[in-house]
N, C-alpha and C. Protein backbone atom coordinates (compact mmCIF):
# COMPACT_ATOMS: atom_id res chain seq x y z
N UNK A 1 215.67 66.63 14.02
CA UNK A 1 216.36 66.19 12.84
C UNK A 1 216.91 67.40 12.08
N UNK A 2 218.19 67.35 11.79
CA UNK A 2 218.85 68.48 11.17
C UNK A 2 218.71 68.44 9.66
N UNK A 3 218.49 69.62 9.06
CA UNK A 3 218.37 69.73 7.61
C UNK A 3 219.75 69.61 6.97
N UNK A 4 219.82 69.20 5.69
CA UNK A 4 221.10 69.17 4.99
C UNK A 4 221.70 70.58 4.89
N UNK A 5 223.03 70.66 4.86
CA UNK A 5 223.72 71.95 4.87
C UNK A 5 223.30 72.84 3.70
N UNK A 6 223.17 72.30 2.49
CA UNK A 6 222.82 73.13 1.34
C UNK A 6 221.41 73.71 1.47
N UNK A 7 220.50 72.98 2.09
CA UNK A 7 219.14 73.48 2.31
C UNK A 7 219.16 74.59 3.35
N UNK A 8 219.98 74.42 4.41
CA UNK A 8 220.11 75.46 5.44
C UNK A 8 220.75 76.71 4.86
N UNK A 9 221.77 76.54 4.01
CA UNK A 9 222.44 77.68 3.39
C UNK A 9 221.47 78.44 2.50
N UNK A 10 220.65 77.73 1.73
CA UNK A 10 219.66 78.38 0.86
C UNK A 10 218.65 79.15 1.71
N UNK A 11 218.18 78.55 2.79
CA UNK A 11 217.21 79.21 3.67
C UNK A 11 217.82 80.48 4.27
N UNK A 12 219.09 80.39 4.67
CA UNK A 12 219.76 81.57 5.22
C UNK A 12 219.91 82.65 4.17
N UNK A 13 220.31 82.30 2.97
CA UNK A 13 220.49 83.30 1.91
C UNK A 13 219.18 84.01 1.59
N UNK A 14 218.07 83.28 1.60
CA UNK A 14 216.76 83.90 1.38
C UNK A 14 216.41 84.84 2.53
N UNK A 15 216.68 84.40 3.76
CA UNK A 15 216.42 85.24 4.93
C UNK A 15 217.24 86.51 4.85
N UNK A 16 218.52 86.37 4.53
CA UNK A 16 219.43 87.53 4.47
C UNK A 16 219.01 88.50 3.38
N UNK A 17 218.58 87.98 2.23
CA UNK A 17 218.12 88.86 1.15
C UNK A 17 216.91 89.67 1.59
N UNK A 18 215.99 89.04 2.29
CA UNK A 18 214.82 89.76 2.82
C UNK A 18 215.24 90.81 3.85
N UNK A 19 216.22 90.47 4.68
CA UNK A 19 216.72 91.41 5.68
C UNK A 19 217.34 92.62 5.00
N UNK A 20 218.18 92.37 4.01
CA UNK A 20 218.89 93.46 3.34
C UNK A 20 217.96 94.31 2.49
N UNK A 21 216.80 93.77 2.12
CA UNK A 21 215.85 94.51 1.30
C UNK A 21 215.02 95.50 2.12
N UNK A 22 215.05 95.38 3.44
CA UNK A 22 214.30 96.30 4.30
C UNK A 22 214.93 97.69 4.26
N UNK A 23 214.09 98.69 4.41
CA UNK A 23 214.56 100.08 4.39
C UNK A 23 215.54 100.34 5.53
N UNK A 24 216.64 101.02 5.18
CA UNK A 24 217.64 101.37 6.18
C UNK A 24 217.34 102.72 6.81
N UNK A 25 216.54 103.53 6.09
CA UNK A 25 216.19 104.86 6.58
C UNK A 25 215.05 105.44 5.77
N UNK A 26 214.73 106.68 6.05
CA UNK A 26 213.62 107.36 5.40
C UNK A 26 213.79 107.43 3.88
N UNK A 27 215.01 107.61 3.43
CA UNK A 27 215.26 107.70 1.98
C UNK A 27 214.83 106.44 1.25
N UNK A 28 215.12 105.28 1.81
CA UNK A 28 214.72 104.01 1.19
C UNK A 28 213.20 103.88 1.16
N UNK A 29 212.55 104.29 2.24
CA UNK A 29 211.09 104.20 2.31
C UNK A 29 210.44 105.10 1.26
N UNK A 30 210.93 106.32 1.13
CA UNK A 30 210.39 107.23 0.13
C UNK A 30 210.64 106.69 -1.27
N UNK A 31 211.82 106.14 -1.52
CA UNK A 31 212.14 105.58 -2.83
C UNK A 31 211.19 104.43 -3.18
N UNK A 32 210.87 103.59 -2.20
CA UNK A 32 209.95 102.47 -2.44
C UNK A 32 208.55 102.98 -2.76
N UNK A 33 208.13 104.02 -2.06
CA UNK A 33 206.79 104.59 -2.30
C UNK A 33 206.71 105.23 -3.68
N UNK A 34 207.73 106.01 -4.03
CA UNK A 34 207.70 106.67 -5.34
C UNK A 34 207.78 105.66 -6.49
N UNK A 35 208.50 104.57 -6.26
CA UNK A 35 208.56 103.52 -7.28
C UNK A 35 207.21 102.81 -7.41
N UNK A 36 206.60 102.48 -6.28
CA UNK A 36 205.31 101.77 -6.29
C UNK A 36 204.20 102.61 -6.92
N UNK A 37 204.26 103.91 -6.74
CA UNK A 37 203.21 104.79 -7.28
C UNK A 37 203.53 105.30 -8.68
N UNK A 38 204.75 105.09 -9.15
CA UNK A 38 205.14 105.56 -10.48
C UNK A 38 205.64 106.99 -10.50
N UNK A 39 205.69 107.62 -9.35
CA UNK A 39 206.17 109.01 -9.28
C UNK A 39 207.61 109.12 -9.75
N UNK A 40 208.43 108.11 -9.45
CA UNK A 40 209.83 108.17 -9.84
C UNK A 40 209.99 108.28 -11.36
N UNK A 41 209.16 107.60 -12.11
CA UNK A 41 209.24 107.67 -13.57
C UNK A 41 208.83 109.05 -14.09
N UNK A 42 207.82 109.65 -13.47
CA UNK A 42 207.38 110.98 -13.87
C UNK A 42 208.49 112.00 -13.61
N UNK A 43 209.12 111.92 -12.42
CA UNK A 43 210.20 112.85 -12.07
C UNK A 43 211.36 112.69 -13.04
N UNK A 44 211.72 111.46 -13.37
CA UNK A 44 212.84 111.24 -14.30
C UNK A 44 212.48 111.71 -15.71
N UNK A 45 211.22 111.61 -16.08
CA UNK A 45 210.77 112.09 -17.39
C UNK A 45 210.90 113.61 -17.46
N UNK A 46 210.50 114.28 -16.38
CA UNK A 46 210.52 115.75 -16.34
C UNK A 46 211.93 116.28 -16.10
N UNK A 47 212.63 115.75 -15.11
CA UNK A 47 213.92 116.29 -14.70
C UNK A 47 215.11 115.60 -15.36
N UNK A 48 214.88 114.47 -16.02
CA UNK A 48 215.97 113.71 -16.62
C UNK A 48 216.45 112.62 -15.68
N UNK A 49 217.30 111.76 -16.20
CA UNK A 49 217.79 110.62 -15.42
C UNK A 49 218.54 111.05 -14.16
N UNK A 50 219.30 112.14 -14.26
CA UNK A 50 220.06 112.60 -13.10
C UNK A 50 219.26 113.68 -12.37
N UNK A 51 218.21 113.25 -11.69
CA UNK A 51 217.30 114.20 -11.01
C UNK A 51 217.73 114.49 -9.58
N UNK A 52 218.78 113.83 -9.10
CA UNK A 52 219.24 114.04 -7.74
C UNK A 52 218.57 113.13 -6.72
N UNK A 53 217.72 112.23 -7.19
CA UNK A 53 216.97 111.35 -6.27
C UNK A 53 217.90 110.44 -5.46
N UNK A 54 218.91 109.88 -6.12
CA UNK A 54 219.81 108.96 -5.42
C UNK A 54 220.56 109.66 -4.30
N UNK A 55 221.02 110.90 -4.55
CA UNK A 55 221.73 111.65 -3.52
C UNK A 55 220.79 112.00 -2.36
N UNK A 56 219.55 112.40 -2.70
CA UNK A 56 218.58 112.71 -1.65
C UNK A 56 218.26 111.47 -0.82
N UNK A 57 218.12 110.34 -1.50
CA UNK A 57 217.84 109.09 -0.79
C UNK A 57 218.97 108.77 0.19
N UNK A 58 220.20 108.91 -0.28
CA UNK A 58 221.35 108.62 0.58
C UNK A 58 221.41 109.58 1.77
N UNK A 59 221.18 110.86 1.53
CA UNK A 59 221.20 111.85 2.60
C UNK A 59 220.09 111.59 3.62
N UNK A 60 218.88 111.32 3.14
CA UNK A 60 217.77 111.04 4.05
C UNK A 60 218.04 109.78 4.87
N UNK A 61 218.68 108.77 4.26
CA UNK A 61 219.03 107.56 5.01
C UNK A 61 220.02 107.86 6.12
N UNK A 62 220.97 108.75 5.84
CA UNK A 62 221.99 109.09 6.85
C UNK A 62 221.39 109.92 7.99
N UNK A 63 220.53 110.87 7.63
CA UNK A 63 219.95 111.76 8.64
C UNK A 63 218.86 111.07 9.44
N UNK A 64 218.01 110.29 8.76
CA UNK A 64 216.88 109.62 9.41
C UNK A 64 217.03 108.11 9.30
N UNK A 65 218.08 107.61 9.92
CA UNK A 65 218.40 106.18 9.89
C UNK A 65 217.48 105.43 10.84
N UNK A 66 216.97 104.29 10.38
CA UNK A 66 216.15 103.44 11.24
C UNK A 66 217.05 102.61 12.14
N UNK A 67 216.61 102.48 13.38
CA UNK A 67 217.36 101.61 14.29
C UNK A 67 216.91 100.18 14.02
N UNK A 68 217.82 99.38 13.59
CA UNK A 68 217.48 97.99 13.35
C UNK A 68 218.66 97.12 13.76
N UNK A 69 218.37 95.89 14.13
CA UNK A 69 219.45 95.01 14.58
C UNK A 69 220.38 94.64 13.43
N UNK A 70 221.57 94.19 13.80
CA UNK A 70 222.52 93.71 12.79
C UNK A 70 221.98 92.43 12.19
N UNK A 71 222.44 92.12 11.01
CA UNK A 71 222.02 90.91 10.31
C UNK A 71 222.61 89.68 10.99
N UNK A 72 221.80 88.63 11.08
CA UNK A 72 222.29 87.36 11.61
C UNK A 72 223.34 86.77 10.68
N UNK A 73 224.35 86.14 11.27
CA UNK A 73 225.32 85.37 10.48
C UNK A 73 224.70 84.01 10.21
N UNK A 74 225.25 83.30 9.23
CA UNK A 74 224.66 82.03 8.84
C UNK A 74 224.62 81.03 9.99
N UNK A 75 225.69 80.93 10.77
CA UNK A 75 225.68 79.97 11.89
C UNK A 75 224.66 80.38 12.96
N UNK A 76 224.48 81.67 13.16
CA UNK A 76 223.48 82.15 14.12
C UNK A 76 222.07 81.82 13.61
N UNK A 77 221.85 82.08 12.33
CA UNK A 77 220.55 81.77 11.72
C UNK A 77 220.25 80.28 11.87
N UNK A 78 221.23 79.43 11.57
CA UNK A 78 221.02 77.98 11.65
C UNK A 78 220.75 77.54 13.08
N UNK A 79 221.46 78.12 14.04
CA UNK A 79 221.21 77.79 15.44
C UNK A 79 219.78 78.16 15.82
N UNK A 80 219.35 79.39 15.48
CA UNK A 80 217.99 79.83 15.82
C UNK A 80 216.94 79.01 15.09
N UNK A 81 217.21 78.67 13.85
CA UNK A 81 216.28 77.85 13.07
C UNK A 81 216.04 76.52 13.78
N UNK A 82 217.10 75.89 14.20
CA UNK A 82 216.99 74.61 14.90
C UNK A 82 216.37 74.80 16.29
N UNK A 83 216.79 75.85 17.00
CA UNK A 83 216.31 76.08 18.36
C UNK A 83 214.82 76.40 18.38
N UNK A 84 214.36 77.25 17.47
CA UNK A 84 212.94 77.61 17.46
C UNK A 84 212.05 76.49 16.92
N UNK A 85 212.63 75.50 16.27
CA UNK A 85 211.83 74.38 15.78
C UNK A 85 211.58 73.34 16.89
N UNK A 86 212.29 73.45 18.01
CA UNK A 86 212.07 72.55 19.14
C UNK A 86 210.73 72.86 19.78
N UNK A 87 210.15 71.86 20.41
CA UNK A 87 208.86 72.06 21.06
C UNK A 87 208.97 72.30 22.56
N UNK A 88 210.15 72.23 23.10
CA UNK A 88 210.33 72.41 24.54
C UNK A 88 210.55 73.87 24.90
N UNK A 89 210.14 74.25 26.08
CA UNK A 89 210.36 75.62 26.56
C UNK A 89 211.60 75.72 27.44
N UNK A 90 212.29 74.62 27.62
CA UNK A 90 213.46 74.57 28.49
C UNK A 90 214.69 75.11 27.76
N UNK A 91 215.47 75.92 28.47
CA UNK A 91 216.70 76.48 27.91
C UNK A 91 217.85 75.97 28.76
N UNK A 92 218.76 75.23 28.16
CA UNK A 92 219.92 74.73 28.88
C UNK A 92 220.92 75.88 29.03
N UNK A 93 221.85 75.77 29.98
CA UNK A 93 222.87 76.82 30.11
C UNK A 93 223.68 77.02 28.83
N UNK A 94 223.98 75.95 28.13
CA UNK A 94 224.73 76.07 26.88
C UNK A 94 223.91 76.83 25.83
N UNK A 95 222.62 76.52 25.75
CA UNK A 95 221.74 77.22 24.81
C UNK A 95 221.60 78.68 25.21
N UNK A 96 221.46 78.94 26.52
CA UNK A 96 221.33 80.33 26.97
C UNK A 96 222.57 81.13 26.59
N UNK A 97 223.73 80.51 26.76
CA UNK A 97 224.98 81.19 26.42
C UNK A 97 225.01 81.54 24.93
N UNK A 98 224.60 80.61 24.08
CA UNK A 98 224.58 80.86 22.63
C UNK A 98 223.54 81.92 22.27
N UNK A 99 222.34 81.83 22.88
CA UNK A 99 221.30 82.82 22.63
C UNK A 99 221.76 84.22 23.04
N UNK A 100 222.42 84.32 24.19
CA UNK A 100 222.94 85.61 24.65
C UNK A 100 224.02 86.15 23.72
N UNK A 101 224.88 85.27 23.26
CA UNK A 101 225.94 85.69 22.34
C UNK A 101 225.33 86.29 21.07
N UNK A 102 224.33 85.62 20.52
CA UNK A 102 223.66 86.12 19.32
C UNK A 102 222.94 87.43 19.64
N UNK A 103 222.17 87.42 20.72
CA UNK A 103 221.39 88.60 21.10
C UNK A 103 222.28 89.83 21.29
N UNK A 104 223.34 89.67 22.06
CA UNK A 104 224.23 90.79 22.35
C UNK A 104 224.88 91.34 21.08
N UNK A 105 225.23 90.48 20.14
CA UNK A 105 225.85 90.96 18.90
C UNK A 105 224.84 91.70 18.04
N UNK A 106 223.68 91.09 17.77
CA UNK A 106 222.75 91.71 16.82
C UNK A 106 222.04 92.93 17.39
N UNK A 107 221.84 92.98 18.71
CA UNK A 107 221.16 94.12 19.32
C UNK A 107 222.14 95.07 20.02
N UNK A 108 223.44 94.83 19.85
CA UNK A 108 224.49 95.67 20.46
C UNK A 108 224.23 95.89 21.95
N UNK A 109 224.07 94.79 22.65
CA UNK A 109 223.75 94.83 24.08
C UNK A 109 224.84 94.08 24.85
N UNK A 110 224.72 94.07 26.17
CA UNK A 110 225.71 93.39 27.02
C UNK A 110 225.01 92.58 28.10
N UNK A 111 223.99 91.85 27.72
CA UNK A 111 223.27 91.04 28.71
C UNK A 111 224.15 89.87 29.15
N UNK A 112 223.91 89.40 30.37
CA UNK A 112 224.70 88.31 30.94
C UNK A 112 223.81 87.13 31.31
N UNK A 113 224.45 86.00 31.60
CA UNK A 113 223.74 84.79 32.02
C UNK A 113 222.88 85.12 33.24
N UNK A 114 221.70 84.51 33.29
CA UNK A 114 220.77 84.77 34.39
C UNK A 114 219.92 83.54 34.66
N UNK A 115 219.37 83.49 35.87
CA UNK A 115 218.42 82.42 36.18
C UNK A 115 217.00 82.96 36.13
N UNK A 116 216.84 84.20 35.74
CA UNK A 116 215.53 84.85 35.64
C UNK A 116 214.81 84.36 34.39
N UNK A 117 213.76 83.58 34.59
CA UNK A 117 213.02 83.00 33.46
C UNK A 117 212.42 84.04 32.54
N UNK A 118 211.86 85.12 33.11
CA UNK A 118 211.25 86.14 32.26
C UNK A 118 212.29 86.92 31.47
N UNK A 119 213.49 87.06 32.00
CA UNK A 119 214.58 87.73 31.26
C UNK A 119 215.01 86.89 30.06
N UNK A 120 215.14 85.59 30.28
CA UNK A 120 215.50 84.68 29.19
C UNK A 120 214.40 84.67 28.14
N UNK A 121 213.16 84.64 28.60
CA UNK A 121 212.03 84.65 27.67
C UNK A 121 212.02 85.92 26.82
N UNK A 122 212.30 87.07 27.42
CA UNK A 122 212.33 88.33 26.67
C UNK A 122 213.38 88.28 25.56
N UNK A 123 214.52 87.71 25.87
CA UNK A 123 215.59 87.58 24.86
C UNK A 123 215.14 86.67 23.73
N UNK A 124 214.56 85.53 24.07
CA UNK A 124 214.13 84.60 23.03
C UNK A 124 213.00 85.17 22.19
N UNK A 125 212.11 85.94 22.81
CA UNK A 125 211.01 86.56 22.05
C UNK A 125 211.57 87.56 21.03
N UNK A 126 212.53 88.39 21.46
CA UNK A 126 213.13 89.36 20.53
C UNK A 126 213.88 88.66 19.40
N UNK A 127 214.62 87.61 19.73
CA UNK A 127 215.34 86.87 18.69
C UNK A 127 214.36 86.19 17.73
N UNK A 128 213.28 85.65 18.26
CA UNK A 128 212.28 84.99 17.43
C UNK A 128 211.59 86.01 16.51
N UNK A 129 211.34 87.20 17.02
CA UNK A 129 210.75 88.26 16.20
C UNK A 129 211.68 88.62 15.05
N UNK A 130 212.97 88.78 15.34
CA UNK A 130 213.96 89.07 14.29
C UNK A 130 214.03 87.93 13.30
N UNK A 131 214.08 86.71 13.79
CA UNK A 131 214.18 85.53 12.95
C UNK A 131 212.97 85.43 12.01
N UNK A 132 211.76 85.66 12.53
CA UNK A 132 210.55 85.55 11.73
C UNK A 132 210.29 86.74 10.84
N UNK A 133 210.84 87.90 11.19
CA UNK A 133 210.52 89.14 10.48
C UNK A 133 210.95 89.13 9.02
N UNK A 134 211.87 88.31 8.67
CA UNK A 134 212.41 88.34 7.31
C UNK A 134 212.15 87.05 6.54
N UNK A 135 210.94 86.51 6.71
CA UNK A 135 210.53 85.44 5.82
C UNK A 135 210.29 84.08 6.41
N UNK A 136 210.42 83.90 7.71
CA UNK A 136 210.18 82.58 8.29
C UNK A 136 208.90 82.54 9.05
């Protein structure tokens, strides 16, 4: 049974916000730690508002970028949401084609259609991990 479009859109927007909130690189991780510990406020108190933290964060993100998949598009998210809610382990050729299309885009890969069950399973496991990683 398919959810109403506005409920699916809201679920996708929440998922995307969680995805975008994840650290893109070392600079984001350090910024989150300093904020959580209050160090950022101490530094700004001592060095002033323009302490250079934002520039350092940006530079560290560029130099030490985390490898992460691209964000799912809303139609991809909705397809995976519906697909992972099914109780069957069977993958039709049409579903495999859609799963591969999503997988290849978000993981920047070039996998092709296959009859190898373990290969298909590996793709679905990675997509499910991405799908669940940001709030589902």
